[in-house]
PDB file of N, CA and C in Angstrom:
ATOM      1  N   MET A   1      41.182   5.423 -16.172  1.00  0.00           N
ATOM      2  CA  MET A   1      41.334   3.983 -16.330  1.00  0.00           C
ATOM      3  C   MET A   1      42.481   3.512 -15.440  1.00  0.00           C
ATOM      4  N   ALA A   2      42.256   2.449 -14.706  1.00  0.00           N
ATOM      5  CA  ALA A   2      43.264   1.925 -13.781  1.00  0.00           C
ATOM      6  C   ALA A   2      44.396   1.245 -14.533  1.00  0.00           C
ATOM      7  N   GLN A   3      45.592   1.390 -13.989  1.00  0.00           N
ATOM      8  CA  GLN A   3      46.757   0.749 -14.602  1.00  0.00           C
ATOM      9  C   GLN A   3      46.719  -0.754 -14.294  1.00  0.00           C
ATOM     10  N   LYS A   4      47.086  -1.540 -15.262  1.00  0.00           N
ATOM     11  CA  LYS A   4      47.079  -2.995 -15.106  1.00  0.00           C
ATOM     12  C   LYS A   4      48.116  -3.413 -14.074  1.00  0.00           C
ATOM     13  N   ASN A   5      47.728  -4.319 -13.198  1.00  0.00           N
ATOM     14  CA  ASN A   5      48.651  -4.853 -12.210  1.00  0.00           C
ATOM     15  C   ASN A   5      49.291  -6.106 -12.818  1.00  0.00           C
ATOM     16  N   TYR A   6      50.490  -5.949 -13.339  1.00  0.00           N
ATOM     17  CA  TYR A   6      51.153  -7.040 -14.052  1.00  0.00           C
ATOM     18  C   TYR A   6      51.506  -8.200 -13.129  1.00  0.00           C
ATOM     19  N   PHE A   7      51.844  -7.907 -11.886  1.00  0.00           N
ATOM     20  CA  PHE A   7      52.168  -8.980 -10.945  1.00  0.00           C
ATOM     21  C   PHE A   7      50.980  -9.925 -10.780  1.00  0.00           C
ATOM     22  N   ASN A   8      49.807  -9.357 -10.532  1.00  0.00           N
ATOM     23  CA  ASN A   8      48.611 -10.196 -10.370  1.00  0.00           C
ATOM     24  C   ASN A   8      48.275 -10.947 -11.649  1.00  0.00           C
ATOM     25  N   SER A   9      48.486 -10.306 -12.782  1.00  0.00           N
ATOM     26  CA  SER A   9      48.232 -10.956 -14.062  1.00  0.00           C
ATOM     27  C   SER A   9      49.185 -12.131 -14.279  1.00  0.00           C
ATOM     28  N   ILE A  10      50.443 -11.957 -13.909  1.00  0.00           N
ATOM     29  CA  ILE A  10      51.439 -13.032 -14.030  1.00  0.00           C
ATOM     30  C   ILE A  10      51.043 -14.217 -13.163  1.00  0.00           C
ATOM     31  N   ILE A  11      50.686 -13.950 -11.915  1.00  0.00           N
ATOM     32  CA  ILE A  11      50.280 -15.029 -10.996  1.00  0.00           C
ATOM     33  C   ILE A  11      49.038 -15.740 -11.516  1.00  0.00           C
ATOM     34  N   ARG A  12      48.072 -14.976 -11.998  1.00  0.00           N
ATOM     35  CA  ARG A  12      46.838 -15.563 -12.545  1.00  0.00           C
ATOM     36  C   ARG A  12      47.154 -16.448 -13.757  1.00  0.00           C
ATOM     37  N   THR A  13      48.021 -15.980 -14.632  1.00  0.00           N
ATOM     38  CA  THR A  13      48.392 -16.764 -15.821  1.00  0.00           C
ATOM     39  C   THR A  13      49.124 -18.038 -15.420  1.00  0.00           C
ATOM     40  N   LEU A  14      50.026 -17.950 -14.452  1.00  0.00           N
ATOM     41  CA  LEU A  14      50.736 -19.150 -13.980  1.00  0.00           C
ATOM     42  C   LEU A  14      49.754 -20.153 -13.369  1.00  0.00           C
ATOM     43  N   LYS A  15      48.778 -19.671 -12.625  1.00  0.00           N
ATOM     44  CA  LYS A  15      47.762 -20.567 -12.050  1.00  0.00           C
ATOM     45  C   LYS A  15      46.949 -21.232 -13.163  1.00  0.00           C
ATOM     46  N   ASP A  16      46.585 -20.444 -14.159  1.00  0.00           N
ATOM     47  CA  ASP A  16      45.830 -20.999 -15.298  1.00  0.00           C
ATOM     48  C   ASP A  16      46.646 -22.049 -16.042  1.00  0.00           C
ATOM     49  N   LEU A  17      47.931 -21.758 -16.251  1.00  0.00           N
ATOM     50  CA  LEU A  17      48.807 -22.731 -16.924  1.00  0.00           C
ATOM     51  C   LEU A  17      48.894 -24.026 -16.128  1.00  0.00           C
ATOM     52  N   LYS A  18      48.970 -23.913 -14.806  1.00  0.00           N
ATOM     53  CA  LYS A  18      49.051 -25.108 -13.957  1.00  0.00           C
ATOM     54  C   LYS A  18      47.760 -25.926 -14.053  1.00  0.00           C
ATOM     55  N   LYS A  19      46.616 -25.241 -14.138  1.00  0.00           N
ATOM     56  CA  LYS A  19      45.334 -25.945 -14.292  1.00  0.00           C
ATOM     57  C   LYS A  19      45.232 -26.620 -15.655  1.00  0.00           C
ATOM     58  N   GLU A  20      45.674 -25.906 -16.699  1.00  0.00           N
ATOM     59  CA  GLU A  20      45.558 -26.416 -18.061  1.00  0.00           C
ATOM     60  C   GLU A  20      46.577 -27.516 -18.372  1.00  0.00           C
ATOM     61  N   HIS A  21      47.714 -27.472 -17.697  1.00  0.00           N
ATOM     62  CA  HIS A  21      48.795 -28.432 -17.933  1.00  0.00           C
ATOM     63  C   HIS A  21      49.344 -28.911 -16.582  1.00  0.00           C
ATOM     64  N   PRO A  22      48.558 -29.716 -15.851  1.00  0.00           N
ATOM     65  CA  PRO A  22      48.936 -30.097 -14.485  1.00  0.00           C
ATOM     66  C   PRO A  22      50.197 -30.948 -14.389  1.00  0.00           C
ATOM     67  N   ASN A  23      50.597 -31.585 -15.458  1.00  0.00           N
ATOM     68  CA  ASN A  23      51.784 -32.443 -15.411  1.00  0.00           C
ATOM     69  C   ASN A  23      53.075 -31.685 -15.656  1.00  0.00           C
ATOM     70  N   GLN A  24      52.989 -30.408 -15.975  1.00  0.00           N
ATOM     71  CA  GLN A  24      54.187 -29.614 -16.198  1.00  0.00           C
ATOM     72  C   GLN A  24      54.473 -28.765 -14.969  1.00  0.00           C
ATOM     73  N   GLU A  25      55.751 -28.640 -14.652  1.00  0.00           N
ATOM     74  CA  GLU A  25      56.162 -27.800 -13.536  1.00  0.00           C
ATOM     75  C   GLU A  25      56.022 -26.331 -13.925  1.00  0.00           C
ATOM     76  N   VAL A  26      55.767 -25.492 -12.949  1.00  0.00           N
ATOM     77  CA  VAL A  26      55.659 -24.058 -13.193  1.00  0.00           C
ATOM     78  C   VAL A  26      56.967 -23.523 -13.769  1.00  0.00           C
ATOM     79  N   SER A  27      58.080 -24.062 -13.311  1.00  0.00           N
ATOM     80  CA  SER A  27      59.381 -23.611 -13.816  1.00  0.00           C
ATOM     81  C   SER A  27      59.521 -23.882 -15.315  1.00  0.00           C
ATOM     82  N   ASN A  28      58.910 -24.953 -15.802  1.00  0.00           N
ATOM     83  CA  ASN A  28      58.929 -25.228 -17.246  1.00  0.00           C
ATOM     84  C   ASN A  28      58.175 -24.147 -18.012  1.00  0.00           C
ATOM     85  N   HIS A  29      57.057 -23.686 -17.453  1.00  0.00           N
ATOM     86  CA  HIS A  29      56.283 -22.628 -18.099  1.00  0.00           C
ATOM     87  C   HIS A  29      57.076 -21.324 -18.121  1.00  0.00           C
ATOM     88  N   ILE A  30      57.706 -21.008 -17.005  1.00  0.00           N
ATOM     89  CA  ILE A  30      58.493 -19.773 -16.933  1.00  0.00           C
ATOM     90  C   ILE A  30      59.650 -19.840 -17.923  1.00  0.00           C
ATOM     91  N   SER A  31      60.336 -20.967 -17.930  1.00  0.00           N
ATOM     92  CA  SER A  31      61.457 -21.148 -18.847  1.00  0.00           C
ATOM     93  C   SER A  31      61.006 -21.062 -20.301  1.00  0.00           C
ATOM     94  N   GLY A  32      59.891 -21.688 -20.623  1.00  0.00           N
ATOM     95  CA  GLY A  32      59.364 -21.649 -21.983  1.00  0.00           C
ATOM     96  C   GLY A  32      58.956 -20.251 -22.394  1.00  0.00           C
ATOM     97  N   ALA A  33      58.347 -19.530 -21.483  1.00  0.00           N
ATOM     98  CA  ALA A  33      57.897 -18.170 -21.790  1.00  0.00           C
ATOM     99  C   ALA A  33      59.066 -17.230 -22.032  1.00  0.00           C
ATOM    100  N   LEU A  34      60.162 -17.451 -21.330  1.00  0.00           N
ATOM    101  CA  LEU A  34      61.317 -16.546 -21.433  1.00  0.00           C
ATOM    102  C   LEU A  34      62.425 -17.092 -22.324  1.00  0.00           C
ATOM    103  N   ALA A  35      62.150 -18.130 -23.075  1.00  0.00           N
ATOM    104  CA  ALA A  35      63.170 -18.775 -23.905  1.00  0.00           C
ATOM    105  C   ALA A  35      63.766 -17.833 -24.954  1.00  0.00           C
ATOM    106  N   ASP A  36      63.003 -16.874 -25.425  1.00  0.00           N
ATOM    107  CA  ASP A  36      63.483 -15.965 -26.466  1.00  0.00           C
ATOM    108  C   ASP A  36      64.322 -14.809 -25.909  1.00  0.00           C
ATOM    109  N   TYR A  37      64.375 -14.696 -24.598  1.00  0.00           N
ATOM    110  CA  TYR A  37      65.103 -13.592 -23.978  1.00  0.00           C
ATOM    111  C   TYR A  37      66.529 -14.024 -23.651  1.00  0.00           C
ATOM    112  N   GLN A  38      67.487 -13.220 -24.066  1.00  0.00           N
ATOM    113  CA  GLN A  38      68.897 -13.513 -23.785  1.00  0.00           C
ATOM    114  C   GLN A  38      69.206 -13.328 -22.304  1.00  0.00           C
ATOM    115  N   ASP A  39      68.802 -12.186 -21.770  1.00  0.00           N
ATOM    116  CA  ASP A  39      69.120 -11.829 -20.383  1.00  0.00           C
ATOM    117  C   ASP A  39      67.816 -11.516 -19.662  1.00  0.00           C
ATOM    118  N   ILE A  40      67.377 -12.420 -18.807  1.00  0.00           N
ATOM    119  CA  ILE A  40      66.084 -12.228 -18.153  1.00  0.00           C
ATOM    120  C   ILE A  40      66.185 -11.342 -16.921  1.00  0.00           C
ATOM    121  N   TRP A  41      67.374 -10.959 -16.540  1.00  0.00           N
ATOM    122  CA  TRP A  41      67.551 -10.145 -15.337  1.00  0.00           C
ATOM    123  C   TRP A  41      66.774  -8.836 -15.425  1.00  0.00           C
ATOM    124  N   GLY A  42      66.760  -8.215 -16.577  1.00  0.00           N
ATOM    125  CA  GLY A  42      66.122  -6.915 -16.727  1.00  0.00           C
ATOM    126  C   GLY A  42      64.722  -6.959 -17.291  1.00  0.00           C
ATOM    127  N   VAL A  43      64.105  -8.134 -17.355  1.00  0.00           N
ATOM    128  CA  VAL A  43      62.753  -8.252 -17.906  1.00  0.00           C
ATOM    129  C   VAL A  43      61.760  -7.609 -16.939  1.00  0.00           C
ATOM    130  N   SER A  44      61.002  -6.673 -17.446  1.00  0.00           N
ATOM    131  CA  SER A  44      60.007  -6.005 -16.600  1.00  0.00           C
ATOM    132  C   SER A  44      58.795  -6.922 -16.392  1.00  0.00           C
ATOM    133  N   ASP A  45      57.985  -6.576 -15.401  1.00  0.00           N
ATOM    134  CA  ASP A  45      56.757  -7.337 -15.167  1.00  0.00           C
ATOM    135  C   ASP A  45      55.853  -7.294 -16.401  1.00  0.00           C
ATOM    136  N   LYS A  46      55.831  -6.153 -17.075  1.00  0.00           N
ATOM    137  CA  LYS A  46      55.007  -6.008 -18.265  1.00  0.00           C
ATOM    138  C   LYS A  46      55.482  -6.958 -19.371  1.00  0.00           C
ATOM    139  N   GLU A  47      56.792  -7.025 -19.582  1.00  0.00           N
ATOM    140  CA  GLU A  47      57.341  -7.929 -20.601  1.00  0.00           C
ATOM    141  C   GLU A  47      57.108  -9.389 -20.215  1.00  0.00           C
ATOM    142  N   PHE A  48      57.276  -9.693 -18.931  1.00  0.00           N
ATOM    143  CA  PHE A  48      57.074 -11.063 -18.454  1.00  0.00           C
ATOM    144  C   PHE A  48      55.617 -11.476 -18.640  1.00  0.00           C
ATOM    145  N   ASP A  49      54.700 -10.580 -18.327  1.00  0.00           N
ATOM    146  CA  ASP A  49      53.279 -10.847 -18.513  1.00  0.00           C
ATOM    147  C   ASP A  49      52.972 -11.116 -19.989  1.00  0.00           C
ATOM    148  N   PHE A  50      53.526 -10.274 -20.863  1.00  0.00           N
ATOM    149  CA  PHE A  50      53.340 -10.466 -22.303  1.00  0.00           C
ATOM    150  C   PHE A  50      53.900 -11.817 -22.743  1.00  0.00           C
ATOM    151  N   ALA A  51      55.131 -12.145 -22.292  1.00  0.00           N
ATOM    152  CA  ALA A  51      55.771 -13.407 -22.691  1.00  0.00           C
ATOM    153  C   ALA A  51      54.964 -14.612 -22.210  1.00  0.00           C
ATOM    154  N   LEU A  52      54.456 -14.560 -20.984  1.00  0.00           N
ATOM    155  CA  LEU A  52      53.652 -15.672 -20.458  1.00  0.00           C
ATOM    156  C   LEU A  52      52.366 -15.861 -21.257  1.00  0.00           C
ATOM    157  N   ASN A  53      51.706 -14.763 -21.579  1.00  0.00           N
ATOM    158  CA  ASN A  53      50.458 -14.871 -22.337  1.00  0.00           C
ATOM    159  C   ASN A  53      50.705 -15.349 -23.763  1.00  0.00           C
ATOM    160  N   LYS A  54      51.805 -14.915 -24.350  1.00  0.00           N
ATOM    161  CA  LYS A  54      52.171 -15.397 -25.688  1.00  0.00           C
ATOM    162  C   LYS A  54      52.481 -16.896 -25.632  1.00  0.00           C
ATOM    163  N   TYR A  55      53.225 -17.314 -24.620  1.00  0.00           N
ATOM    164  CA  TYR A  55      53.558 -18.734 -24.424  1.00  0.00           C
ATOM    165  C   TYR A  55      52.285 -19.556 -24.227  1.00  0.00           C
ATOM    166  N   ARG A  56      51.371 -19.048 -23.418  1.00  0.00           N
ATOM    167  CA  ARG A  56      50.111 -19.763 -23.164  1.00  0.00           C
ATOM    168  C   ARG A  56      49.304 -19.908 -24.447  1.00  0.00           C
ATOM    169  N   ALA A  57      49.260 -18.853 -25.241  1.00  0.00           N
ATOM    170  CA  ALA A  57      48.542 -18.921 -26.519  1.00  0.00           C
ATOM    171  C   ALA A  57      49.183 -19.938 -27.451  1.00  0.00           C
ATOM    172  N   THR A  58      50.505 -19.978 -27.459  1.00  0.00           N
ATOM    173  CA  THR A  58      51.221 -20.945 -28.295  1.00  0.00           C
ATOM    174  C   THR A  58      50.915 -22.368 -27.845  1.00  0.00           C
ATOM    175  N   LEU A  59      50.891 -22.592 -26.539  1.00  0.00           N
ATOM    176  CA  LEU A  59      50.561 -23.931 -26.031  1.00  0.00           C
ATOM    177  C   LEU A  59      49.152 -24.339 -26.446  1.00  0.00           C
ATOM    178  N   SER A  60      48.220 -23.420 -26.383  1.00  0.00           N
ATOM    179  CA  SER A  60      46.846 -23.776 -26.738  1.00  0.00           C
ATOM    180  C   SER A  60      46.724 -24.074 -28.228  1.00  0.00           C
ATOM    181  N   LEU A  61      47.551 -23.419 -29.055  1.00  0.00           N
ATOM    182  CA  LEU A  61      47.540 -23.717 -30.486  1.00  0.00           C
ATOM    183  C   LEU A  61      48.198 -25.050 -30.784  1.00  0.00           C
ATOM    184  N   ASP A  62      49.231 -25.389 -30.007  1.00  0.00           N
ATOM    185  CA  ASP A  62      49.949 -26.633 -30.221  1.00  0.00           C
ATOM    186  C   ASP A  62      49.192 -27.840 -29.687  1.00  0.00           C
ATOM    187  N   LYS A  63      48.281 -27.621 -28.778  1.00  0.00           N
ATOM    188  CA  LYS A  63      47.550 -28.717 -28.152  1.00  0.00           C
ATOM    189  C   LYS A  63      46.466 -29.204 -29.101  1.00  0.00           C
ATOM    190  N   LYS A  64      46.627 -30.406 -29.554  1.00  0.00           N
ATOM    191  CA  LYS A  64      45.647 -30.992 -30.457  1.00  0.00           C
ATOM    192  C   LYS A  64      45.354 -32.416 -29.980  1.00  0.00           C
ATOM    193  N   ASP A  65      44.129 -32.797 -30.164  1.00  0.00           N
ATOM    194  CA  ASP A  65      43.742 -34.157 -29.838  1.00  0.00           C
ATOM    195  C   ASP A  65      43.903 -35.008 -31.091  1.00  0.00           C
ATOM    196  N   ILE A  66      45.104 -35.526 -31.271  1.00  0.00           N
ATOM    197  CA  ILE A  66      45.421 -36.321 -32.451  1.00  0.00           C
ATOM    198  C   ILE A  66      45.510 -37.778 -32.022  1.00  0.00           C
ATOM    199  N   ASP A  67      44.752 -38.616 -32.683  1.00  0.00           N
ATOM    200  CA  ASP A  67      44.775 -40.028 -32.319  1.00  0.00           C
ATOM    201  C   ASP A  67      45.935 -40.747 -33.005  1.00  0.00           C
ATOM    202  N   ASP A  68      46.234 -41.932 -32.528  1.00  0.00           N
ATOM    203  CA  ASP A  68      47.363 -42.713 -33.033  1.00  0.00           C
ATOM    204  C   ASP A  68      47.208 -43.082 -34.504  1.00  0.00           C
ATOM    205  N   ALA A  69      45.989 -43.312 -34.959  1.00  0.00           N
ATOM    206  CA  ALA A  69      45.767 -43.668 -36.368  1.00  0.00           C
ATOM    207  C   ALA A  69      46.151 -42.507 -37.287  1.00  0.00           C
ATOM    208  N   TYR A  70      45.832 -41.298 -36.872  1.00  0.00           N
ATOM    209  CA  TYR A  70      46.175 -40.117 -37.669  1.00  0.00           C
ATOM    210  C   TYR A  70      47.691 -39.951 -37.753  1.00  0.00           C
ATOM    211  N   ILE A  71      48.375 -40.145 -36.642  1.00  0.00           N
ATOM    212  CA  ILE A  71      49.837 -40.055 -36.627  1.00  0.00           C
ATOM    213  C   ILE A  71      50.447 -41.147 -37.501  1.00  0.00           C
ATOM    214  N   ALA A  72      49.902 -42.361 -37.420  1.00  0.00           N
ATOM    215  CA  ALA A  72      50.405 -43.462 -38.249  1.00  0.00           C
ATOM    216  C   ALA A  72      50.226 -43.148 -39.734  1.00  0.00           C
ATOM    217  N   LYS A  73      49.103 -42.524 -40.086  1.00  0.00           N
ATOM    218  CA  LYS A  73      48.868 -42.152 -41.491  1.00  0.00           C
ATOM    219  C   LYS A  73      49.878 -41.098 -41.944  1.00  0.00           C
ATOM    220  N   ILE A  74      50.177 -40.138 -41.100  1.00  0.00           N
ATOM    221  CA  ILE A  74      51.164 -39.109 -41.446  1.00  0.00           C
ATOM    222  C   ILE A  74      52.529 -39.750 -41.684  1.00  0.00           C
ATOM    223  N   ILE A  75      52.905 -40.674 -40.818  1.00  0.00           N
ATOM    224  CA  ILE A  75      54.199 -41.361 -40.964  1.00  0.00           C
ATOM    225  C   ILE A  75      54.215 -42.181 -42.250  1.00  0.00           C
ATOM    226  N   LYS A  76      53.140 -42.926 -42.491  1.00  0.00           N
ATOM    227  CA  LYS A  76      53.069 -43.751 -43.698  1.00  0.00           C
ATOM    228  C   LYS A  76      53.134 -42.889 -44.951  1.00  0.00           C
ATOM    229  N   ASP A  77      52.377 -41.811 -44.961  1.00  0.00           N
ATOM    230  CA  ASP A  77      52.390 -40.913 -46.119  1.00  0.00           C
ATOM    231  C   ASP A  77      53.761 -40.271 -46.297  1.00  0.00           C
ATOM    232  N   GLY A  78      54.431 -39.971 -45.218  1.00  0.00           N
ATOM    233  CA  GLY A  78      55.771 -39.387 -45.293  1.00  0.00           C
ATOM    234  C   GLY A  78      56.777 -40.342 -45.905  1.00  0.00           C
ATOM    235  N   GLN A  79      56.569 -41.626 -45.725  1.00  0.00           N
ATOM    236  CA  GLN A  79      57.474 -42.618 -46.294  1.00  0.00           C
ATOM    237  C   GLN A  79      57.242 -42.798 -47.792  1.00  0.00           C
ATOM    238  N   ASN A  80      56.127 -42.307 -48.279  1.00  0.00           N
ATOM    239  CA  ASN A  80      55.784 -42.443 -49.691  1.00  0.00           C
ATOM    240  C   ASN A  80      55.666 -41.080 -50.366  1.00  0.00           C
ATOM    241  N   LEU A  81      56.526 -40.174 -50.028  1.00  0.00           N
ATOM    242  CA  LEU A  81      56.425 -38.822 -50.586  1.00  0.00           C
ATOM    243  C   LEU A  81      56.551 -38.784 -52.101  1.00  0.00           C
ATOM    244  N   ASP A  82      57.304 -39.716 -52.656  1.00  0.00           N
ATOM    245  CA  ASP A  82      57.472 -39.709 -54.108  1.00  0.00           C
ATOM    246  C   ASP A  82      56.183 -40.059 -54.845  1.00  0.00           C
ATOM    247  N   THR A  83      55.280 -40.782 -54.203  1.00  0.00           N
ATOM    248  CA  THR A  83      54.036 -41.172 -54.876  1.00  0.00           C
ATOM    249  C   THR A  83      52.797 -40.516 -54.277  1.00  0.00           C
ATOM    250  N   ILE A  84      52.959 -39.790 -53.224  1.00  0.00           N
ATOM    251  CA  ILE A  84      51.786 -39.283 -52.508  1.00  0.00           C
ATOM    252  C   ILE A  84      50.943 -38.323 -53.345  1.00  0.00           C
ATOM    253  N   LEU A  85      51.568 -37.592 -54.229  1.00  0.00           N
ATOM    254  CA  LEU A  85      50.822 -36.613 -55.004  1.00  0.00           C
ATOM    255  C   LEU A  85      50.684 -36.991 -56.474  1.00  0.00           C
ATOM    256  N   ASP A  86      50.641 -38.287 -56.744  1.00  0.00           N
ATOM    257  CA  ASP A  86      50.287 -38.723 -58.097  1.00  0.00           C
ATOM    258  C   ASP A  86      48.888 -38.203 -58.397  1.00  0.00           C
ATOM    259  N   ASP A  87      48.610 -37.934 -59.647  1.00  0.00           N
ATOM    260  CA  ASP A  87      47.338 -37.309 -60.023  1.00  0.00           C
ATOM    261  C   ASP A  87      46.130 -38.051 -59.465  1.00  0.00           C
ATOM    262  N   GLU A  88      46.125 -39.368 -59.541  1.00  0.00           N
ATOM    263  CA  GLU A  88      44.944 -40.108 -59.098  1.00  0.00           C
ATOM    264  C   GLU A  88      44.842 -40.159 -57.577  1.00  0.00           C
ATOM    265  N   ASP A  89      45.957 -40.058 -56.868  1.00  0.00           N
ATOM    266  CA  ASP A  89      45.944 -40.121 -55.415  1.00  0.00           C
ATOM    267  C   ASP A  89      45.761 -38.756 -54.763  1.00  0.00           C
ATOM    268  N   GLU A  90      46.008 -37.689 -55.503  1.00  0.00           N
ATOM    269  CA  GLU A  90      46.000 -36.354 -54.900  1.00  0.00           C
ATOM    270  C   GLU A  90      44.656 -36.020 -54.278  1.00  0.00           C
ATOM    271  N   ASP A  91      43.564 -36.291 -54.989  1.00  0.00           N
ATOM    272  CA  ASP A  91      42.248 -35.964 -54.460  1.00  0.00           C
ATOM    273  C   ASP A  91      41.937 -36.764 -53.203  1.00  0.00           C
ATOM    274  N   ALA A  92      42.292 -38.032 -53.193  1.00  0.00           N
ATOM    275  CA  ALA A  92      42.037 -38.860 -52.009  1.00  0.00           C
ATOM    276  C   ALA A  92      42.851 -38.349 -50.816  1.00  0.00           C
ATOM    277  N   TRP A  93      44.091 -37.961 -51.061  1.00  0.00           N
ATOM    278  CA  TRP A  93      44.946 -37.446 -49.988  1.00  0.00           C
ATOM    279  C   TRP A  93      44.381 -36.138 -49.430  1.00  0.00           C
ATOM    280  N   LEU A  94      43.942 -35.268 -50.331  1.00  0.00           N
ATOM    281  CA  LEU A  94      43.366 -33.991 -49.882  1.00  0.00           C
ATOM    282  C   LEU A  94      42.077 -34.210 -49.100  1.00  0.00           C
ATOM    283  N   ASP A  95      41.274 -35.198 -49.513  1.00  0.00           N
ATOM    284  CA  ASP A  95      40.057 -35.524 -48.787  1.00  0.00           C
ATOM    285  C   ASP A  95      40.372 -36.029 -47.382  1.00  0.00           C
ATOM    286  N   ASP A  96      41.420 -36.847 -47.259  1.00  0.00           N
ATOM    287  CA  ASP A  96      41.802 -37.389 -45.957  1.00  0.00           C
ATOM    288  C   ASP A  96      42.163 -36.289 -44.969  1.00  0.00           C
ATOM    289  N   PHE A  97      42.723 -35.196 -45.463  1.00  0.00           N
ATOM    290  CA  PHE A  97      43.173 -34.119 -44.599  1.00  0.00           C
ATOM    291  C   PHE A  97      42.203 -32.938 -44.600  1.00  0.00           C
ATOM    292  N   GLY A  98      41.019 -33.141 -45.107  1.00  0.00           N
ATOM    293  CA  GLY A  98      39.986 -32.128 -45.044  1.00  0.00           C
ATOM    294  C   GLY A  98      40.246 -30.904 -45.879  1.00  0.00           C
ATOM    295  N   MET A  99      40.937 -31.089 -46.977  1.00  0.00           N
ATOM    296  CA  MET A  99      41.248 -29.938 -47.844  1.00  0.00           C
ATOM    297  C   MET A  99      40.385 -29.947 -49.071  1.00  0.00           C
TER     298      MET A  99
END
C-alpha cells in the first residue's frame, strides 16, 4: 500500500476550502486549522493534514442555511426564557424546533 502524500492532500484540502468558502482567505483557513496548536513550528505534514481536515469538517457542520425569521424566533424565545417552558407552551415550542 502506498504511503499517503500529505503535501498533496494539504494542497487539495486548501483548494477545496477555497471553493467551498470563496470569501475567506486561505490564511484564515490555515490559522483556523492550527488554532489549537501552541507552537506550529514543529507541526508535521501529517498533523497539518489532520488539522485541516478536522477544521473543514467543523466548518461544514457549522454551515447552516438559517433564515432571518428563524433567528428572530430564537432571539424572541431567548427573551422569554422564564415562560418558554410553561406546560401549555412546551409542546408548541418543541413542535417549532422539530422535536
